[in-house]
């Protein structure tokens, strides 16, 4: 396996690895969404993956026992700010009906 004779990772190593993986996955998902921003169907699929990642990241950190130690995991790629804002706004627009219904505020749609 990948562990080798050194034994298990230290808590600091687990935190560092978790942050690195989080940044890499966030980068991949945001750039994937940016690439298909003008394709409604493909963007919806990409946005769903981005939202799923964001929702599950905290669960993963908690399961690894490092949630309290994880710093901010920020996007560090080259997508311009305006395009990032479009991605976030579009993703929220897609998620809004589901979010509202989860809060019991749905408009009878669905």
Foldseek 3Di string as FASTA:
>chain_A
DVPPPPDDDDLVVVLVVLLVVLQVVLQVLLVQLLVCVVPVVSNQVSLVVNVVSVVCSLVVCVVVVNNVPHDDNDHDDDDDPVSSVSSVVVSCVSCVQVVCVVVVNHPPDD
